[in-house]
Amino acid sequence: MPAVLPPEPSDVRWDEDLRAACRGEGIVSMYQPIVDTSRGTVVGFEALLRFPAFTEQDPEVWFGQARRMGCAPELEAAALRVALSSRSGLPRNCFLTVNVSPDLLSSPAIRSVWAEAGDLGGVVIELTEQAEIESYVELEPDLNRLKSLGALLAVDDAGSGYAGLQHLLALRPSFVKVDRDFIRNIHHDEAKRALVDMLGAFAGRLDAWIIAEGVERLEELDVLATLGVPLVQGYLLGRPGTPWVELDPEIAHRLARRVPADRALIVRSVLEAAVTVASIDDARSAFADDPALAEVVLLSGRRPVAVLTHEASLLGIVSQGMCMNTHTAIPQALERCITREQSTRFSPVLVTDDAGYFTGLVRVERLITALTGAASPAPAVAVDEGSRQGRVLTSPPGHGEVNVTERLRGTPGPETRAR
């Protein structure tokens, strides 16, 4: 199905204006905050293109006209360059979401942006819903390339029936965005609450997080936080702005005071040391050097890919491991673990900080004993791949001056996901 285009306005000099915009002239990126409901902090931003120098201001009209005139790849490439140009100033432990039409991923203009950008760690590629994906197989090379560069994947329009579910199953994204239509007045609509709850459970089975869009009322925010929706976005949390919009302190306090007093019952409290490697060959060497070693963690850059046993390293088997954030509540972590296939139900879990960087391992047995109070938490430790020396983390992973793992300089590994 071709993309649905908005009506064409007749009073704009499109030839001239589009040429300028495709060169990056007269366009800017605004950044809308994405908020963690469990802690009341901003953890990401979505880059949204604006056209302040032109008569026509509506982005949908611009992208629709670009498709009519055959320059959609060039306009989206210009938008990506503008959005990514601010990455160096991104607040610590925040990710950046950029929008791309899936049917344009293979275009030379879009591919050149990724080539120029290099490392895409901390970048989330959101596939927009304007154009239908006709072949998921054809998308695979470009998506795999993006993942190898460290990017994560997000998809739009969750909850839109069978097509939306098929979309999620085929792409297996790291983030699932729930459209504002399902969020509006959710505090008055039991069916919407049930749908969001179902989507959250489904996303958890895919090892993904959901982001609720279009949150505009305090009552909506309260319901979403109660349902356990981890990430929210909308005018209530902050309008698109520049450079980086801060969360209203009253909203932050409203969310933070919902956090249980027992902060020990989070995944960070039961982290264990882990030996990290950059390749299968490095894993084999690690096992050869230490026959007592039970497992190693394969990284792509600083992001976890998989837990490898000695046998798996010899066979060259790399299976995507389950990841979760250091601040995940232990009951929620256990619930996710027991929904895995029986063969992997008790496999160690990869733990990341807010930026998606590896911080350590958690074993299901420790989650159980921590929840029942049968064990006291051990110090959080991470092991550097180069020295394999454990270090106690004296501040939360990803914060302060503690460097959990040195950045690895090797060939990027298989796809990664951050939770």
Protein backbone atom coordinates (compact mmCIF):
# COMPACT_ATOMS: atom_id res chain seq x y z
CA MET A 1 0.00 0.00 0.00
CA PRO A 2 1.46 3.41 -0.90
CA ALA A 3 2.02 6.00 1.80
CA VAL A 4 -1.03 8.12 2.64
CA LEU A 5 -0.19 11.72 1.77
CA PRO A 6 -1.77 14.88 3.20
CA PRO A 7 -3.39 17.36 0.81
CA GLU A 8 -1.02 19.45 -1.25
CA PRO A 9 -1.06 23.16 -0.37
CA SER A 10 -1.02 25.46 -3.38
CA ASP A 11 0.63 28.60 -2.01
CA VAL A 12 4.15 27.30 -1.34
CA ARG A 13 7.15 27.38 -3.70
CA TRP A 14 7.84 23.71 -3.26
CA ASP A 15 10.66 23.32 -5.80
CA GLU A 16 12.75 25.99 -4.14
CA ASP A 17 11.77 25.24 -0.55
CA LEU A 18 12.33 21.49 -0.79
CA ARG A 19 15.73 21.93 -2.39
CA ALA A 20 16.74 24.19 0.49
CA ALA A 21 15.36 21.86 3.17
CA CYS A 22 17.08 18.85 1.61
CA ARG A 23 20.35 20.78 1.94
CA GLY A 24 19.58 21.22 5.63
CA GLU A 25 18.69 24.89 5.29
CA GLY A 26 15.84 26.39 7.32
CA ILE A 27 15.14 23.22 9.31
CA VAL A 28 15.77 22.50 12.98
CA SER A 29 15.26 19.64 15.41
CA MET A 30 13.19 20.00 18.54
CA TYR A 31 13.59 17.40 21.28
CA GLN A 32 10.70 16.05 23.34
CA PRO A 33 11.57 14.32 26.62
CA ILE A 34 10.77 10.68 27.37
CA VAL A 35 10.30 10.02 31.08
CA ASP A 36 10.90 7.00 33.31
CA THR A 37 7.76 6.62 35.42
CA SER A 38 9.50 4.60 38.13
CA ARG A 39 11.97 7.36 39.03
CA GLY A 40 10.52 10.57 37.64
CA THR A 41 13.54 11.33 35.46
CA VAL A 42 14.11 12.08 31.79
CA VAL A 43 15.86 9.13 30.13
CA GLY A 44 15.51 9.97 26.45
CA PHE A 45 14.46 12.48 23.81
CA GLU A 46 12.65 12.17 20.50
CA ALA A 47 13.96 14.40 17.71
CA LEU A 48 11.13 16.11 15.81
CA LEU A 49 11.78 18.16 12.67
CA ARG A 50 10.50 21.73 12.38
CA PHE A 51 10.48 24.20 9.47
CA PRO A 52 10.65 27.69 11.06
CA ALA A 53 12.12 29.45 8.02
CA PHE A 54 9.31 28.54 5.63
CA THR A 55 5.70 29.53 5.00
CA GLU A 56 4.45 25.97 5.47
CA GLN A 57 5.15 24.71 9.01
CA ASP A 58 3.41 21.32 9.18
CA PRO A 59 5.97 18.45 9.02
CA GLU A 60 3.36 16.01 7.66
CA VAL A 61 2.69 18.31 4.72
CA TRP A 62 6.41 18.63 4.05
CA PHE A 63 7.09 14.90 4.05
CA GLY A 64 3.98 14.26 1.97
CA GLN A 65 5.07 16.80 -0.63
CA ALA A 66 8.59 15.36 -0.66
CA ARG A 67 7.13 11.98 -1.59
CA ARG A 68 5.10 13.53 -4.40
CA MET A 69 8.17 15.23 -5.80
CA GLY A 70 10.48 12.23 -5.39
CA CYS A 71 12.84 13.68 -2.80
CA ALA A 72 11.58 11.97 0.37
CA PRO A 73 14.90 10.16 0.99
CA GLU A 74 16.85 13.40 0.75
CA LEU A 75 14.50 15.26 3.13
CA GLU A 76 14.55 12.46 5.69
CA ALA A 77 18.35 12.28 5.40
CA ALA A 78 18.57 16.02 6.09
CA ALA A 79 16.27 15.60 9.09
CA LEU A 80 18.45 12.79 10.45
CA ARG A 81 21.63 14.83 10.08
CA VAL A 82 20.10 17.75 11.96
CA ALA A 83 18.82 15.46 14.72
CA LEU A 84 22.09 13.57 15.13
CA SER A 85 24.19 16.74 15.11
CA SER A 86 23.20 17.41 18.73
CA ARG A 87 24.18 13.98 20.02
CA SER A 88 27.38 15.21 21.65
CA GLY A 89 25.35 17.42 23.98
CA LEU A 90 22.81 14.75 24.92
CA PRO A 91 22.39 14.59 28.71
CA ARG A 92 24.17 11.72 30.41
CA ASN A 93 22.37 8.36 30.37
CA CYS A 94 19.76 9.51 27.87
CA PHE A 95 18.96 7.96 24.51
CA LEU A 96 17.97 9.81 21.34
CA THR A 97 15.10 8.65 19.12
CA VAL A 98 15.07 9.57 15.43
CA ASN A 99 12.33 8.80 12.91
CA VAL A 100 12.80 6.98 9.60
CA SER A 101 10.31 5.68 7.05
CA PRO A 102 10.92 1.94 6.71
CA ASP A 103 10.58 2.00 2.91
CA LEU A 104 13.45 4.50 2.70
CA LEU A 105 15.97 2.61 4.83
CA SER A 106 17.71 1.11 1.81
CA SER A 107 18.01 4.41 -0.07
CA PRO A 108 21.57 5.70 -0.66
CA ALA A 109 20.66 9.02 0.99
CA ILE A 110 19.66 7.36 4.27
CA ARG A 111 22.51 4.86 4.23
CA SER A 112 24.99 7.70 3.83
CA VAL A 113 23.73 9.25 7.08
CA TRP A 114 24.54 6.11 9.05
CA ALA A 115 27.95 5.87 7.38
CA GLU A 116 28.74 9.44 8.43
CA ALA A 117 27.43 8.95 11.97
CA GLY A 118 29.54 5.87 12.73
CA ASP A 119 28.81 4.57 16.23
CA LEU A 120 25.06 4.72 16.89
CA GLY A 121 25.18 3.71 20.54
CA GLY A 122 22.40 5.46 22.43
CA VAL A 123 20.38 6.07 19.25
CA VAL A 124 16.92 4.55 18.79
CA ILE A 125 15.68 4.21 15.20
CA GLU A 126 11.90 4.61 15.18
CA LEU A 127 10.22 3.15 12.11
CA THR A 128 7.32 5.45 11.28
CA GLU A 129 3.86 4.26 10.27
CA GLN A 130 3.38 6.45 7.17
CA ALA A 131 4.36 3.68 4.77
CA GLU A 132 3.45 0.00 5.02
CA ILE A 133 6.27 -2.54 5.16
CA GLU A 134 5.79 -4.83 2.18
CA SER A 135 8.72 -7.16 2.86
CA TYR A 136 10.35 -7.65 6.24
CA VAL A 137 13.03 -9.80 4.61
CA GLU A 138 14.18 -6.88 2.48
CA LEU A 139 14.56 -4.75 5.62
CA GLU A 140 16.85 -7.22 7.37
CA PRO A 141 20.22 -6.14 5.90
CA ASP A 142 19.69 -2.50 6.83
CA LEU A 143 18.27 -3.27 10.26
CA ASN A 144 21.13 -5.65 11.03
CA ARG A 145 23.62 -3.02 9.93
CA LEU A 146 22.04 -0.45 12.25
CA LYS A 147 22.07 -2.88 15.16
CA SER A 148 25.73 -3.71 14.50
CA LEU A 149 26.46 0.02 14.85
CA GLY A 150 24.79 0.00 18.28
CA ALA A 151 21.36 1.37 17.37
CA LEU A 152 18.15 0.08 18.92
CA LEU A 153 14.80 -0.26 17.18
CA ALA A 154 11.39 1.21 18.02
CA VAL A 155 8.07 0.77 16.26
CA ASP A 156 5.01 2.99 16.16
CA ASP A 157 1.30 2.36 16.45
CA ALA A 158 1.15 -0.62 18.79
CA GLY A 159 -2.35 -1.90 19.39
CA SER A 160 -3.65 -1.36 15.87
CA GLY A 161 -4.98 -4.87 15.38
CA TYR A 162 -3.47 -7.88 13.67
CA ALA A 163 -1.21 -5.83 11.39
CA GLY A 164 0.35 -4.10 14.38
CA LEU A 165 0.99 -7.38 16.19
CA GLN A 166 2.47 -8.90 13.04
CA HIS A 167 4.73 -5.84 12.83
CA LEU A 168 6.01 -6.43 16.37
CA LEU A 169 6.59 -10.14 15.87
CA ALA A 170 8.52 -9.60 12.64
CA LEU A 171 10.73 -6.74 13.84
CA ARG A 172 11.23 -7.66 17.53
CA PRO A 173 11.94 -4.05 18.55
CA SER A 174 13.51 -2.82 21.76
CA PHE A 175 10.80 -0.18 22.22
CA VAL A 176 7.10 -0.31 21.38
CA LYS A 177 5.28 3.03 21.15
CA VAL A 178 1.62 3.09 22.12
CA ASP A 179 -0.31 5.65 20.09
CA ARG A 180 -1.95 8.63 21.79
CA ASP A 181 -5.39 7.38 20.71
CA PHE A 182 -5.05 4.55 23.24
CA ILE A 183 -3.75 6.89 25.97
CA ARG A 184 -6.24 9.76 25.70
CA ASN A 185 -8.69 9.61 28.66
CA ILE A 186 -7.36 6.21 29.70
CA HIS A 187 -8.41 7.06 33.27
CA HIS A 188 -12.04 6.94 32.09
CA ASP A 189 -11.78 3.86 29.86
CA GLU A 190 -11.33 0.37 31.30
CA ALA A 191 -10.92 -1.12 27.81
CA LYS A 192 -7.96 1.15 27.10
CA ARG A 193 -6.39 0.22 30.43
CA ALA A 194 -6.79 -3.46 29.62
CA LEU A 195 -5.26 -2.94 26.17
CA VAL A 196 -2.22 -1.09 27.53
CA ASP A 197 -1.79 -3.75 30.22
CA MET A 198 -1.91 -6.46 27.55
CA LEU A 199 0.59 -4.62 25.35
CA GLY A 200 2.94 -4.27 28.31
CA ALA A 201 2.82 -8.00 28.96
CA PHE A 202 3.30 -8.75 25.27
CA ALA A 203 6.24 -6.35 25.01
CA GLY A 204 7.80 -8.00 28.03
CA ARG A 205 7.66 -11.36 26.29
CA LEU A 206 9.49 -9.75 23.36
CA ASP A 207 12.05 -8.30 25.81
CA ALA A 208 10.95 -4.77 24.89
CA TRP A 209 9.75 -1.66 26.70
CA ILE A 210 6.63 0.30 25.86
CA ILE A 211 6.48 4.07 25.54
CA ALA A 212 3.08 5.68 26.00
CA GLU A 213 2.72 8.71 23.71
CA GLY A 214 0.44 11.72 23.99
CA VAL A 215 0.22 11.95 27.78
CA GLU A 216 -1.48 15.29 28.46
CA ARG A 217 -3.30 14.89 31.79
CA LEU A 218 -2.14 14.06 35.30
CA GLU A 219 -4.89 11.44 35.55
CA GLU A 220 -3.52 9.67 32.47
CA LEU A 221 0.00 9.72 33.93
CA ASP A 222 -1.20 8.28 37.23
CA VAL A 223 -2.99 5.40 35.51
CA LEU A 224 0.02 4.61 33.31
CA ALA A 225 2.36 4.61 36.30
CA THR A 226 -0.02 2.34 38.20
CA LEU A 227 -0.16 -0.05 35.24
CA GLY A 228 3.64 -0.21 35.28
CA VAL A 229 4.17 1.48 31.91
CA PRO A 230 7.91 2.24 32.13
CA LEU A 231 8.22 5.18 29.72
CA VAL A 232 5.90 8.07 28.89
CA GLN A 233 5.95 11.02 26.52
CA GLY A 234 3.62 13.94 25.88
CA TYR A 235 2.90 17.61 26.46
CA LEU A 236 2.33 17.00 30.18
CA LEU A 237 5.95 15.84 30.50
CA GLY A 238 7.36 18.46 28.15
CA ARG A 239 6.73 20.00 24.75
CA PRO A 240 9.33 19.63 21.99
CA GLY A 241 12.06 22.18 22.61
CA THR A 242 15.75 22.92 22.34
CA PRO A 243 18.27 22.08 23.45
CA TRP A 244 17.03 19.66 26.13
CA VAL A 245 13.73 20.11 27.94
CA GLU A 246 13.77 19.39 31.67
CA LEU A 247 10.95 17.68 33.53
CA ASP A 248 8.72 19.89 35.65
CA PRO A 249 9.86 19.34 39.28
CA GLU A 250 6.26 18.84 40.40
CA ILE A 251 5.77 16.04 37.86
CA ALA A 252 9.11 14.51 38.86
CA HIS A 253 8.08 14.57 42.52
CA ARG A 254 4.66 13.11 41.73
CA LEU A 255 6.30 10.13 40.03
CA ALA A 256 9.20 9.72 42.44
CA ARG A 257 6.96 9.54 45.50
CA ARG A 258 5.26 6.49 43.99
CA VAL A 259 8.52 4.52 44.23
CA PRO A 260 8.41 1.95 47.05
CA ALA A 261 10.47 2.80 50.10
CA ASP A 262 12.37 -0.48 49.83
CA ARG A 263 14.73 0.46 47.03
CA ALA A 264 16.82 -2.65 47.72
CA LEU A 265 14.25 -4.68 45.78
CA ILE A 266 15.67 -3.69 42.42
CA VAL A 267 17.93 -5.62 40.09
CA ARG A 268 20.97 -3.45 40.85
CA SER A 269 21.05 -4.83 44.39
CA VAL A 270 21.89 -8.35 43.21
CA LEU A 271 24.34 -7.68 40.36
CA GLU A 272 27.25 -10.08 39.99
CA ALA A 273 30.63 -9.88 38.33
CA ALA A 274 30.95 -10.87 34.70
CA VAL A 275 33.86 -11.43 32.35
CA THR A 276 33.20 -9.63 29.07
CA VAL A 277 34.54 -10.43 25.62
CA ALA A 278 34.33 -8.78 22.22
CA SER A 279 34.19 -11.89 20.04
CA ILE A 280 33.68 -15.65 20.01
CA ASP A 281 37.45 -16.12 19.73
CA ASP A 282 37.95 -14.01 22.86
CA ALA A 283 35.40 -16.19 24.65
CA ARG A 284 37.28 -19.36 23.73
CA SER A 285 40.51 -17.82 25.00
CA ALA A 286 38.86 -16.82 28.29
CA PHE A 287 37.61 -20.36 28.88
CA ALA A 288 41.03 -21.77 27.98
CA ASP A 289 42.72 -19.43 30.47
CA ASP A 290 40.28 -20.26 33.27
CA PRO A 291 38.73 -23.77 33.12
CA ALA A 292 36.55 -22.93 36.14
CA LEU A 293 34.86 -20.06 34.31
CA ALA A 294 31.11 -20.73 33.99
CA GLU A 295 30.19 -18.10 31.41
CA VAL A 296 31.27 -14.89 29.71
CA VAL A 297 29.26 -11.99 28.31
CA LEU A 298 29.61 -11.08 24.64
CA LEU A 299 29.48 -7.32 24.07
CA SER A 300 28.97 -5.19 20.99
CA GLY A 301 30.70 -1.98 21.94
CA ARG A 302 29.51 -1.54 25.51
CA ARG A 303 26.15 -3.20 24.93
CA PRO A 304 25.41 -6.80 25.93
CA VAL A 305 24.60 -9.36 23.28
CA ALA A 306 24.57 -12.77 24.95
CA VAL A 307 25.75 -14.94 27.82
CA LEU A 308 28.11 -17.59 26.41
CA THR A 309 28.95 -20.91 28.03
CA HIS A 310 32.08 -22.85 27.15
CA GLU A 311 30.06 -25.21 24.96
CA ALA A 312 28.33 -22.35 23.15
CA SER A 313 31.66 -20.67 22.41
CA LEU A 314 33.08 -23.88 20.94
CA LEU A 315 30.00 -24.34 18.73
CA GLY A 316 29.84 -20.65 17.81
CA ILE A 317 26.25 -20.40 19.09
CA VAL A 318 25.09 -16.87 19.95
CA SER A 319 21.53 -16.59 21.26
CA GLN A 320 20.18 -13.17 22.19
CA GLY A 321 20.11 -12.86 25.97
CA MET A 322 17.38 -11.25 28.05
CA CYS A 323 18.30 -7.72 29.14
CA MET A 324 16.83 -5.48 31.81
CA ASN A 325 17.62 -2.16 33.45
CA THR A 326 19.40 -1.85 36.79
CA HIS A 327 16.31 -0.19 38.27
CA THR A 328 13.90 -2.99 37.33
CA ALA A 329 11.93 -4.15 40.36
CA ILE A 330 12.86 -7.68 41.39
CA PRO A 331 9.25 -8.99 41.27
CA GLN A 332 8.92 -7.66 37.72
CA ALA A 333 12.30 -9.15 36.78
CA LEU A 334 11.26 -12.55 38.09
CA GLU A 335 7.98 -12.40 36.21
CA ARG A 336 9.84 -11.75 32.96
CA CYS A 337 12.32 -14.55 33.63
CA ILE A 338 9.71 -17.23 34.24
CA THR A 339 7.93 -16.42 30.97
CA ARG A 340 10.99 -17.51 29.00
CA GLU A 341 11.25 -20.87 27.28
CA GLN A 342 11.91 -23.68 29.73
CA SER A 343 15.43 -24.26 28.38
CA THR A 344 16.49 -20.67 29.18
CA ARG A 345 14.23 -19.90 32.13
CA PHE A 346 17.10 -19.97 34.64
CA SER A 347 19.77 -18.47 32.39
CA PRO A 348 21.56 -15.40 33.80
CA VAL A 349 20.06 -12.03 32.86
CA LEU A 350 22.08 -9.22 31.27
CA VAL A 351 21.72 -5.92 33.12
CA THR A 352 22.23 -2.46 31.62
CA ASP A 353 22.24 1.14 32.80
CA ASP A 354 19.99 3.86 31.42
CA ALA A 355 22.22 4.27 28.36
CA GLY A 356 21.98 0.56 27.55
CA TYR A 357 25.57 -0.16 28.64
CA PHE A 358 26.38 -3.45 30.34
CA THR A 359 26.73 -3.33 34.13
CA GLY A 360 26.63 -6.96 35.25
CA LEU A 361 24.74 -10.25 35.47
CA VAL A 362 21.83 -11.33 37.63
CA ARG A 363 20.95 -14.94 38.35
CA VAL A 364 17.36 -16.04 38.76
CA GLU A 365 18.25 -17.84 42.00
CA ARG A 366 19.47 -14.55 43.51
CA LEU A 367 16.29 -12.81 42.41
CA ILE A 368 14.26 -15.43 44.24
CA THR A 369 16.32 -15.29 47.43
CA ALA A 370 16.36 -11.48 47.41
CA LEU A 371 12.59 -11.39 47.06
CA THR A 372 12.09 -13.82 49.93
CA GLY A 373 14.69 -12.09 52.09
CA ALA A 374 16.83 -15.22 52.33
CA ALA A 375 20.01 -13.55 51.14
CA SER A 376 21.73 -10.23 51.71
CA PRO A 377 22.64 -8.26 48.60
CA ALA A 378 26.18 -8.53 47.32
CA PRO A 379 28.16 -5.49 46.16
CA ALA A 380 27.55 -4.63 42.53
CA VAL A 381 30.64 -5.53 40.53
CA ALA A 382 31.56 -5.33 36.88
CA VAL A 383 34.59 -6.90 35.24
CA ASP A 384 36.67 -5.21 32.60
CA GLU A 385 37.33 -7.38 29.55
CA GLY A 386 40.94 -6.32 29.23
CA SER A 387 42.02 -7.06 32.79
CA ARG A 388 39.19 -9.29 34.02
CA GLN A 389 39.49 -7.53 37.38
CA GLY A 390 36.33 -7.01 39.41
CA ARG A 391 35.57 -3.57 40.85
CA VAL A 392 32.94 -2.67 43.41
CA LEU A 393 30.57 0.01 42.12
CA THR A 394 30.41 2.78 44.71
CA SER A 395 27.65 4.66 42.88
CA PRO A 396 24.70 3.55 40.75
CA PRO A 397 25.80 2.02 37.43
CA GLY A 398 26.01 4.64 34.74
CA HIS A 399 26.27 7.52 37.23
CA GLY A 400 29.10 9.38 38.91
CA GLU A 401 32.74 8.69 38.09
CA VAL A 402 32.63 4.88 38.07
CA ASN A 403 33.50 3.50 34.64
CA VAL A 404 31.80 0.12 34.56
CA THR A 405 33.53 -1.26 31.45
CA GLU A 406 36.05 0.29 29.11
CA ARG A 407 34.74 0.82 25.62
CA LEU A 408 35.72 -2.13 23.46
CA ARG A 409 37.33 -1.42 20.11
CA GLY A 410 36.56 -4.45 18.00
CA THR A 411 34.31 -5.66 15.25
CA PRO A 412 30.70 -5.02 16.30
CA GLY A 413 28.87 -8.16 17.27
CA PRO A 414 25.32 -9.35 16.61
CA GLU A 415 22.21 -7.37 17.40
CA THR A 416 21.78 -5.92 20.87
CA ARG A 417 18.88 -4.63 22.91
CA ALA A 418 18.84 -2.40 25.99
CA ARG A 419 16.21 -2.43 28.66
